[in-house]
Amino acid sequence: MRSLSFILLALFTIAATAQKTDYNLKKGYVAEGYDVTEYFNNTAVEGNKEFTTTYDGAKFQFASQENLEAFKKSPKKFIPQYGGYCAYAIADKGKKVSIDPETFEIRDGKLYLFYNSWGVNTLEKWNEEGATTLKKKADIEWESVRTKN
């Protein structure tokens, strides 16, 4: 009986501390180490390893102590949609695609990141093809995509 209690406690602890969202952790950090709070100032700024925190099992990096504190006060406000994967690729292909951390959009108070390389800027496609429609599609796709590798 005692061992059963221990196993249940261990499982509960693992479940409680497990990452709830599948984050794009290229370079070891969400948004490739860019400061997620700065996007809301309409700037893409690389974070500094001196100012890091872990939230929801993922590491975040910030440009300053002030930004780190702002994130700690309200982390859900700053977390990128779709785990920080390319919003367009989630909507269009139902696939997790890495991003260019300098290609982003704040829409309805939420951060969206996009792929931008080799002449393909998916933020431009997102806007050309209809961001509102693609966002709805990405929201639906993310529910099944987030659990796939």
N, C-alpha and C. Protein backbone atom coordinates (compact mmCIF):
# COMPACT_ATOMS: atom_id res chain seq x y z
N MET A 1 0.83 -1.20 0.00
CA MET A 1 0.00 0.00 0.00
C MET A 1 0.87 1.25 0.00
N ARG A 2 1.94 1.18 0.77
CA ARG A 2 2.84 2.33 0.86
C ARG A 2 3.50 2.63 -0.48
N SER A 3 3.90 1.57 -1.19
CA SER A 3 4.54 1.76 -2.49
C SER A 3 3.55 2.31 -3.52
N LEU A 4 2.28 1.91 -3.42
CA LEU A 4 1.26 2.45 -4.30
C LEU A 4 1.09 3.95 -4.07
N SER A 5 1.09 4.36 -2.84
CA SER A 5 0.99 5.79 -2.51
C SER A 5 2.17 6.56 -3.07
N PHE A 6 3.36 5.96 -2.97
CA PHE A 6 4.57 6.61 -3.50
C PHE A 6 4.48 6.75 -5.02
N ILE A 7 4.03 5.70 -5.70
CA ILE A 7 3.90 5.74 -7.15
C ILE A 7 2.89 6.80 -7.57
N LEU A 8 1.75 6.85 -6.90
CA LEU A 8 0.75 7.86 -7.22
C LEU A 8 1.28 9.27 -6.99
N LEU A 9 2.01 9.47 -5.91
CA LEU A 9 2.61 10.78 -5.63
C LEU A 9 3.62 11.14 -6.72
N ALA A 10 4.43 10.19 -7.13
CA ALA A 10 5.42 10.44 -8.19
C ALA A 10 4.73 10.80 -9.50
N LEU A 11 3.70 10.07 -9.86
CA LEU A 11 2.97 10.37 -11.10
C LEU A 11 2.32 11.74 -11.04
N PHE A 12 1.74 12.08 -9.91
CA PHE A 12 1.12 13.39 -9.74
C PHE A 12 2.16 14.50 -9.88
N THR A 13 3.33 14.30 -9.28
CA THR A 13 4.40 15.30 -9.35
C THR A 13 4.87 15.48 -10.79
N ILE A 14 5.04 14.39 -11.51
CA ILE A 14 5.47 14.46 -12.91
C ILE A 14 4.41 15.19 -13.73
N ALA A 15 3.16 14.85 -13.54
CA ALA A 15 2.08 15.50 -14.29
C ALA A 15 1.99 16.97 -13.97
N ALA A 16 2.19 17.33 -12.72
CA ALA A 16 2.08 18.73 -12.31
C ALA A 16 3.22 19.57 -12.84
N THR A 17 4.40 18.96 -13.02
CA THR A 17 5.55 19.74 -13.48
C THR A 17 5.82 19.58 -14.97
N ALA A 18 5.09 18.74 -15.64
CA ALA A 18 5.31 18.51 -17.08
C ALA A 18 4.96 19.76 -17.88
N GLN A 19 5.68 19.91 -18.95
CA GLN A 19 5.44 21.03 -19.84
C GLN A 19 4.05 20.90 -20.45
N LYS A 20 3.26 21.96 -20.37
CA LYS A 20 1.89 21.91 -20.86
C LYS A 20 1.79 22.22 -22.35
N THR A 21 2.72 22.95 -22.87
CA THR A 21 2.73 23.33 -24.28
C THR A 21 3.98 22.79 -24.94
N ASP A 22 3.88 22.39 -26.18
CA ASP A 22 5.05 21.97 -26.95
C ASP A 22 5.69 23.24 -27.50
N TYR A 23 6.82 23.62 -26.96
CA TYR A 23 7.49 24.85 -27.37
C TYR A 23 8.58 24.57 -28.39
N ASN A 24 8.76 25.50 -29.30
CA ASN A 24 9.87 25.51 -30.24
C ASN A 24 11.08 26.01 -29.45
N LEU A 25 11.99 25.11 -29.12
CA LEU A 25 13.13 25.46 -28.28
C LEU A 25 14.45 25.44 -29.05
N LYS A 26 14.40 25.87 -30.29
CA LYS A 26 15.64 25.97 -31.07
C LYS A 26 16.57 26.92 -30.33
N LYS A 27 17.81 26.56 -30.22
CA LYS A 27 18.83 27.31 -29.47
C LYS A 27 18.57 27.24 -27.96
N GLY A 28 17.69 26.33 -27.52
CA GLY A 28 17.48 26.10 -26.10
C GLY A 28 16.47 27.00 -25.42
N TYR A 29 15.94 27.97 -26.14
CA TYR A 29 15.01 28.94 -25.55
C TYR A 29 13.80 29.14 -26.47
N VAL A 30 12.69 29.53 -25.88
CA VAL A 30 11.53 29.96 -26.66
C VAL A 30 11.95 31.18 -27.48
N ALA A 31 11.46 31.31 -28.69
CA ALA A 31 11.77 32.42 -29.61
C ALA A 31 13.27 32.53 -29.87
N GLU A 32 13.95 31.37 -29.86
CA GLU A 32 15.39 31.31 -30.12
C GLU A 32 16.19 32.26 -29.23
N GLY A 33 15.68 32.51 -28.04
CA GLY A 33 16.39 33.35 -27.09
C GLY A 33 16.09 34.83 -27.21
N TYR A 34 15.15 35.19 -28.07
CA TYR A 34 14.75 36.60 -28.17
C TYR A 34 13.82 36.92 -27.00
N ASP A 35 13.83 38.17 -26.61
CA ASP A 35 13.04 38.64 -25.47
C ASP A 35 11.57 38.78 -25.89
N VAL A 36 10.72 37.89 -25.39
CA VAL A 36 9.31 37.89 -25.79
C VAL A 36 8.57 39.15 -25.34
N THR A 37 9.05 39.83 -24.32
CA THR A 37 8.38 41.06 -23.88
C THR A 37 8.63 42.20 -24.85
N GLU A 38 9.79 42.21 -25.49
CA GLU A 38 10.14 43.30 -26.41
C GLU A 38 9.29 43.29 -27.68
N TYR A 39 8.79 42.13 -28.06
CA TYR A 39 7.92 42.09 -29.24
C TYR A 39 6.71 43.02 -29.05
N PHE A 40 6.27 43.16 -27.82
CA PHE A 40 5.11 44.00 -27.54
C PHE A 40 5.46 45.49 -27.58
N ASN A 41 6.75 45.80 -27.73
CA ASN A 41 7.22 47.16 -28.01
C ASN A 41 7.53 47.30 -29.50
N ASN A 42 7.10 46.29 -30.28
CA ASN A 42 7.31 46.23 -31.73
C ASN A 42 8.78 46.17 -32.11
N THR A 43 9.58 45.48 -31.27
CA THR A 43 10.99 45.28 -31.59
C THR A 43 11.37 43.84 -31.30
N ALA A 44 12.29 43.33 -32.11
CA ALA A 44 12.85 42.00 -31.89
C ALA A 44 14.25 42.19 -31.30
N VAL A 45 14.40 41.80 -30.04
CA VAL A 45 15.65 42.03 -29.32
C VAL A 45 16.13 40.70 -28.74
N GLU A 46 17.40 40.38 -28.99
CA GLU A 46 17.96 39.16 -28.41
C GLU A 46 18.05 39.30 -26.90
N GLY A 47 17.73 38.21 -26.22
CA GLY A 47 17.85 38.19 -24.77
C GLY A 47 19.29 37.98 -24.34
N ASN A 48 19.49 38.08 -23.05
CA ASN A 48 20.81 37.93 -22.44
C ASN A 48 20.73 36.76 -21.47
N LYS A 49 21.71 35.85 -21.51
CA LYS A 49 21.68 34.68 -20.63
C LYS A 49 21.67 35.06 -19.16
N GLU A 50 22.04 36.28 -18.86
CA GLU A 50 22.02 36.77 -17.48
C GLU A 50 20.59 36.91 -16.95
N PHE A 51 19.63 37.08 -17.87
CA PHE A 51 18.23 37.29 -17.49
C PHE A 51 17.36 36.17 -18.07
N THR A 52 17.31 35.05 -17.37
CA THR A 52 16.53 33.91 -17.86
C THR A 52 15.56 33.42 -16.78
N THR A 53 14.55 32.73 -17.24
CA THR A 53 13.63 32.07 -16.33
C THR A 53 13.05 30.86 -17.04
N THR A 54 12.45 29.99 -16.27
CA THR A 54 11.75 28.83 -16.82
C THR A 54 10.28 28.98 -16.48
N TYR A 55 9.44 28.78 -17.48
CA TYR A 55 8.00 28.82 -17.28
C TYR A 55 7.39 27.69 -18.09
N ASP A 56 6.51 26.94 -17.50
CA ASP A 56 5.83 25.84 -18.18
C ASP A 56 6.84 24.85 -18.77
N GLY A 57 7.97 24.66 -18.10
CA GLY A 57 8.99 23.72 -18.53
C GLY A 57 9.89 24.20 -19.65
N ALA A 58 9.74 25.46 -20.06
CA ALA A 58 10.54 26.02 -21.16
C ALA A 58 11.35 27.22 -20.67
N LYS A 59 12.53 27.40 -21.27
CA LYS A 59 13.38 28.52 -20.87
C LYS A 59 13.11 29.75 -21.75
N PHE A 60 13.12 30.89 -21.09
CA PHE A 60 12.94 32.19 -21.74
C PHE A 60 14.11 33.07 -21.37
N GLN A 61 14.51 33.93 -22.29
CA GLN A 61 15.64 34.82 -22.11
C GLN A 61 15.19 36.25 -22.36
N PHE A 62 15.74 37.21 -21.59
CA PHE A 62 15.29 38.61 -21.65
C PHE A 62 16.47 39.56 -21.79
N ALA A 63 16.18 40.73 -22.30
CA ALA A 63 17.21 41.74 -22.52
C ALA A 63 17.56 42.50 -21.25
N SER A 64 16.68 42.48 -20.27
CA SER A 64 16.92 43.25 -19.03
C SER A 64 16.20 42.61 -17.85
N GLN A 65 16.60 42.99 -16.66
CA GLN A 65 15.93 42.53 -15.45
C GLN A 65 14.48 43.01 -15.42
N GLU A 66 14.24 44.22 -15.91
CA GLU A 66 12.87 44.77 -15.94
C GLU A 66 11.95 43.91 -16.81
N ASN A 67 12.47 43.49 -17.96
CA ASN A 67 11.66 42.65 -18.84
C ASN A 67 11.42 41.27 -18.22
N LEU A 68 12.42 40.73 -17.56
CA LEU A 68 12.26 39.46 -16.86
C LEU A 68 11.17 39.57 -15.80
N GLU A 69 11.18 40.66 -15.04
CA GLU A 69 10.17 40.87 -13.99
C GLU A 69 8.77 41.04 -14.60
N ALA A 70 8.69 41.75 -15.72
CA ALA A 70 7.39 41.93 -16.39
C ALA A 70 6.84 40.58 -16.82
N PHE A 71 7.70 39.72 -17.35
CA PHE A 71 7.28 38.39 -17.76
C PHE A 71 6.80 37.58 -16.56
N LYS A 72 7.56 37.62 -15.47
CA LYS A 72 7.20 36.85 -14.27
C LYS A 72 5.85 37.28 -13.71
N LYS A 73 5.51 38.56 -13.85
CA LYS A 73 4.23 39.07 -13.33
C LYS A 73 3.05 38.57 -14.16
N SER A 74 3.26 38.40 -15.47
CA SER A 74 2.16 38.02 -16.35
C SER A 74 2.66 37.20 -17.54
N PRO A 75 3.18 35.99 -17.29
CA PRO A 75 3.81 35.22 -18.38
C PRO A 75 2.88 34.88 -19.54
N LYS A 76 1.63 34.58 -19.26
CA LYS A 76 0.72 34.18 -20.35
C LYS A 76 0.52 35.29 -21.37
N LYS A 77 0.69 36.53 -20.95
CA LYS A 77 0.55 37.66 -21.87
C LYS A 77 1.61 37.61 -22.98
N PHE A 78 2.80 37.10 -22.65
CA PHE A 78 3.94 37.19 -23.55
C PHE A 78 4.27 35.91 -24.33
N ILE A 79 3.69 34.82 -23.95
CA ILE A 79 4.04 33.54 -24.60
C ILE A 79 3.56 33.55 -26.06
N PRO A 80 4.44 33.16 -26.99
CA PRO A 80 4.02 33.13 -28.39
C PRO A 80 2.97 32.06 -28.65
N GLN A 81 2.10 32.35 -29.58
CA GLN A 81 1.08 31.39 -29.98
C GLN A 81 1.73 30.19 -30.66
N TYR A 82 1.06 29.06 -30.56
CA TYR A 82 1.49 27.81 -31.20
C TYR A 82 2.89 27.40 -30.76
N GLY A 83 3.20 27.67 -29.50
CA GLY A 83 4.48 27.25 -28.94
C GLY A 83 5.69 27.95 -29.53
N GLY A 84 5.46 28.99 -30.30
CA GLY A 84 6.57 29.70 -30.93
C GLY A 84 6.97 29.12 -32.28
N TYR A 85 6.17 28.20 -32.80
CA TYR A 85 6.40 27.71 -34.16
C TYR A 85 5.76 28.69 -35.14
N CYS A 86 6.11 28.56 -36.41
CA CYS A 86 5.59 29.45 -37.45
C CYS A 86 4.06 29.33 -37.53
N ALA A 87 3.38 30.44 -37.29
CA ALA A 87 1.92 30.47 -37.30
C ALA A 87 1.37 30.11 -38.68
N TYR A 88 2.00 30.60 -39.72
CA TYR A 88 1.53 30.32 -41.08
C TYR A 88 1.63 28.82 -41.39
N ALA A 89 2.75 28.19 -41.04
CA ALA A 89 2.94 26.77 -41.33
C ALA A 89 1.94 25.91 -40.55
N ILE A 90 1.62 26.30 -39.34
CA ILE A 90 0.61 25.58 -38.57
C ILE A 90 -0.72 25.64 -39.32
N ALA A 91 -1.10 26.83 -39.77
CA ALA A 91 -2.38 27.01 -40.47
C ALA A 91 -2.39 26.36 -41.84
N ASP A 92 -1.35 26.58 -42.62
CA ASP A 92 -1.33 26.15 -44.02
C ASP A 92 -1.01 24.68 -44.22
N LYS A 93 -0.06 24.16 -43.46
CA LYS A 93 0.41 22.79 -43.67
C LYS A 93 0.15 21.87 -42.49
N GLY A 94 -0.27 22.45 -41.35
CA GLY A 94 -0.45 21.63 -40.16
C GLY A 94 0.87 21.05 -39.69
N LYS A 95 1.95 21.84 -39.83
CA LYS A 95 3.29 21.37 -39.46
C LYS A 95 3.99 22.38 -38.57
N LYS A 96 4.85 21.85 -37.70
CA LYS A 96 5.70 22.69 -36.85
C LYS A 96 6.94 23.06 -37.65
N VAL A 97 7.10 24.35 -37.87
CA VAL A 97 8.24 24.86 -38.64
C VAL A 97 8.93 25.91 -37.79
N SER A 98 10.26 25.89 -37.80
CA SER A 98 11.03 26.88 -37.05
C SER A 98 10.76 28.27 -37.60
N ILE A 99 11.23 29.26 -36.89
CA ILE A 99 10.91 30.65 -37.21
C ILE A 99 12.17 31.48 -37.42
N ASP A 100 11.97 32.66 -37.94
CA ASP A 100 12.97 33.72 -37.91
C ASP A 100 12.50 34.61 -36.77
N PRO A 101 13.22 34.68 -35.66
CA PRO A 101 12.72 35.42 -34.50
C PRO A 101 12.53 36.92 -34.74
N GLU A 102 13.00 37.41 -35.88
CA GLU A 102 12.81 38.83 -36.19
C GLU A 102 11.57 39.06 -37.07
N THR A 103 10.85 37.99 -37.37
CA THR A 103 9.64 38.10 -38.19
C THR A 103 8.46 37.73 -37.30
N PHE A 104 7.68 38.74 -36.94
CA PHE A 104 6.63 38.55 -35.94
C PHE A 104 5.47 39.52 -36.17
N GLU A 105 4.40 39.23 -35.47
CA GLU A 105 3.24 40.12 -35.49
C GLU A 105 2.56 40.04 -34.12
N ILE A 106 2.09 41.19 -33.65
CA ILE A 106 1.23 41.23 -32.48
C ILE A 106 -0.18 41.46 -33.03
N ARG A 107 -1.06 40.50 -32.77
CA ARG A 107 -2.44 40.58 -33.27
C ARG A 107 -3.36 40.29 -32.10
N ASP A 108 -4.27 41.20 -31.85
CA ASP A 108 -5.23 41.04 -30.75
C ASP A 108 -4.53 40.74 -29.42
N GLY A 109 -3.38 41.41 -29.21
CA GLY A 109 -2.65 41.25 -27.95
C GLY A 109 -1.88 39.96 -27.81
N LYS A 110 -1.71 39.22 -28.91
CA LYS A 110 -0.99 37.94 -28.89
C LYS A 110 0.20 38.00 -29.84
N LEU A 111 1.26 37.25 -29.49
CA LEU A 111 2.48 37.21 -30.29
C LEU A 111 2.45 36.02 -31.25
N TYR A 112 2.68 36.31 -32.53
CA TYR A 112 2.77 35.28 -33.57
C TYR A 112 4.15 35.40 -34.21
N LEU A 113 4.83 34.27 -34.38
CA LEU A 113 6.15 34.23 -34.99
C LEU A 113 6.06 33.52 -36.34
N PHE A 114 7.00 33.85 -37.25
CA PHE A 114 6.93 33.36 -38.63
C PHE A 114 8.30 32.96 -39.16
N TYR A 115 8.29 32.11 -40.18
CA TYR A 115 9.48 31.71 -40.93
C TYR A 115 9.77 32.78 -41.97
N ASN A 116 11.03 33.11 -42.16
CA ASN A 116 11.43 34.09 -43.17
C ASN A 116 12.85 33.77 -43.61
N SER A 117 12.96 33.04 -44.73
CA SER A 117 14.27 32.67 -45.23
C SER A 117 14.14 32.22 -46.67
N TRP A 118 15.25 32.30 -47.40
CA TRP A 118 15.30 31.84 -48.78
C TRP A 118 14.20 32.46 -49.63
N GLY A 119 13.89 33.73 -49.39
CA GLY A 119 12.91 34.43 -50.19
C GLY A 119 11.46 34.13 -49.83
N VAL A 120 11.24 33.40 -48.76
CA VAL A 120 9.88 33.08 -48.32
C VAL A 120 9.64 33.75 -46.97
N ASN A 121 8.76 34.74 -46.99
CA ASN A 121 8.38 35.44 -45.76
C ASN A 121 6.94 35.05 -45.46
N THR A 122 6.75 34.16 -44.49
CA THR A 122 5.40 33.66 -44.23
C THR A 122 4.52 34.70 -43.53
N LEU A 123 5.10 35.72 -42.94
CA LEU A 123 4.28 36.81 -42.39
C LEU A 123 3.57 37.54 -43.53
N GLU A 124 4.28 37.76 -44.62
CA GLU A 124 3.65 38.39 -45.79
C GLU A 124 2.52 37.51 -46.31
N LYS A 125 2.76 36.19 -46.41
CA LYS A 125 1.71 35.28 -46.88
C LYS A 125 0.53 35.26 -45.92
N TRP A 126 0.81 35.29 -44.63
CA TRP A 126 -0.21 35.32 -43.58
C TRP A 126 -1.16 36.49 -43.81
N ASN A 127 -0.58 37.65 -44.08
CA ASN A 127 -1.39 38.85 -44.29
C ASN A 127 -2.06 38.87 -45.66
N GLU A 128 -1.37 38.42 -46.69
CA GLU A 128 -1.95 38.39 -48.04
C GLU A 128 -3.13 37.42 -48.14
N GLU A 129 -3.00 36.28 -47.50
CA GLU A 129 -4.02 35.23 -47.62
C GLU A 129 -5.16 35.39 -46.60
N GLY A 130 -5.00 36.34 -45.68
CA GLY A 130 -6.07 36.60 -44.71
C GLY A 130 -5.74 36.09 -43.33
N ALA A 131 -5.13 36.93 -42.54
CA ALA A 131 -4.68 36.55 -41.21
C ALA A 131 -5.82 36.05 -40.32
N THR A 132 -6.97 36.65 -40.42
CA THR A 132 -8.10 36.25 -39.56
C THR A 132 -8.52 34.82 -39.85
N THR A 133 -8.64 34.48 -41.13
CA THR A 133 -9.02 33.13 -41.53
C THR A 133 -7.92 32.13 -41.16
N LEU A 134 -6.67 32.49 -41.43
CA LEU A 134 -5.56 31.59 -41.15
C LEU A 134 -5.40 31.37 -39.63
N LYS A 135 -5.64 32.40 -38.86
CA LYS A 135 -5.56 32.26 -37.40
C LYS A 135 -6.58 31.24 -36.90
N LYS A 136 -7.79 31.32 -37.41
CA LYS A 136 -8.83 30.35 -37.01
C LYS A 136 -8.41 28.93 -37.39
N LYS A 137 -7.86 28.79 -38.58
CA LYS A 137 -7.40 27.47 -39.04
C LYS A 137 -6.24 26.98 -38.18
N ALA A 138 -5.30 27.87 -37.87
CA ALA A 138 -4.14 27.49 -37.04
C ALA A 138 -4.58 27.09 -35.64
N ASP A 139 -5.56 27.78 -35.09
CA ASP A 139 -6.07 27.42 -33.76
C ASP A 139 -6.57 25.98 -33.75
N ILE A 140 -7.28 25.60 -34.81
CA ILE A 140 -7.82 24.24 -34.92
C ILE A 140 -6.68 23.24 -35.15
N GLU A 141 -5.79 23.55 -36.08
CA GLU A 141 -4.67 22.66 -36.42
C GLU A 141 -3.76 22.42 -35.22
N TRP A 142 -3.53 23.46 -34.43
CA TRP A 142 -2.60 23.37 -33.30
C TRP A 142 -3.02 22.28 -32.32
N GLU A 143 -4.30 22.07 -32.16
CA GLU A 143 -4.78 21.05 -31.22
C GLU A 143 -4.27 19.66 -31.57
N SER A 144 -4.14 19.35 -32.87
CA SER A 144 -3.61 18.03 -33.24
C SER A 144 -2.10 18.08 -33.49
N VAL A 145 -1.60 19.18 -34.00
CA VAL A 145 -0.17 19.31 -34.34
C VAL A 145 0.71 19.33 -33.10
N ARG A 146 0.25 19.94 -32.04
CA ARG A 146 1.09 20.14 -30.84
C ARG A 146 1.58 18.85 -30.22
N THR A 147 0.90 17.75 -30.42
CA THR A 147 1.32 16.48 -29.83
C THR A 147 2.20 15.64 -30.75
N LYS A 148 2.38 16.10 -31.99
CA LYS A 148 3.23 15.37 -32.95
C LYS A 148 4.66 15.90 -32.85
N ASN A 149 5.61 15.01 -33.16
CA ASN A 149 7.02 15.43 -33.18
C ASN A 149 7.36 16.16 -34.42
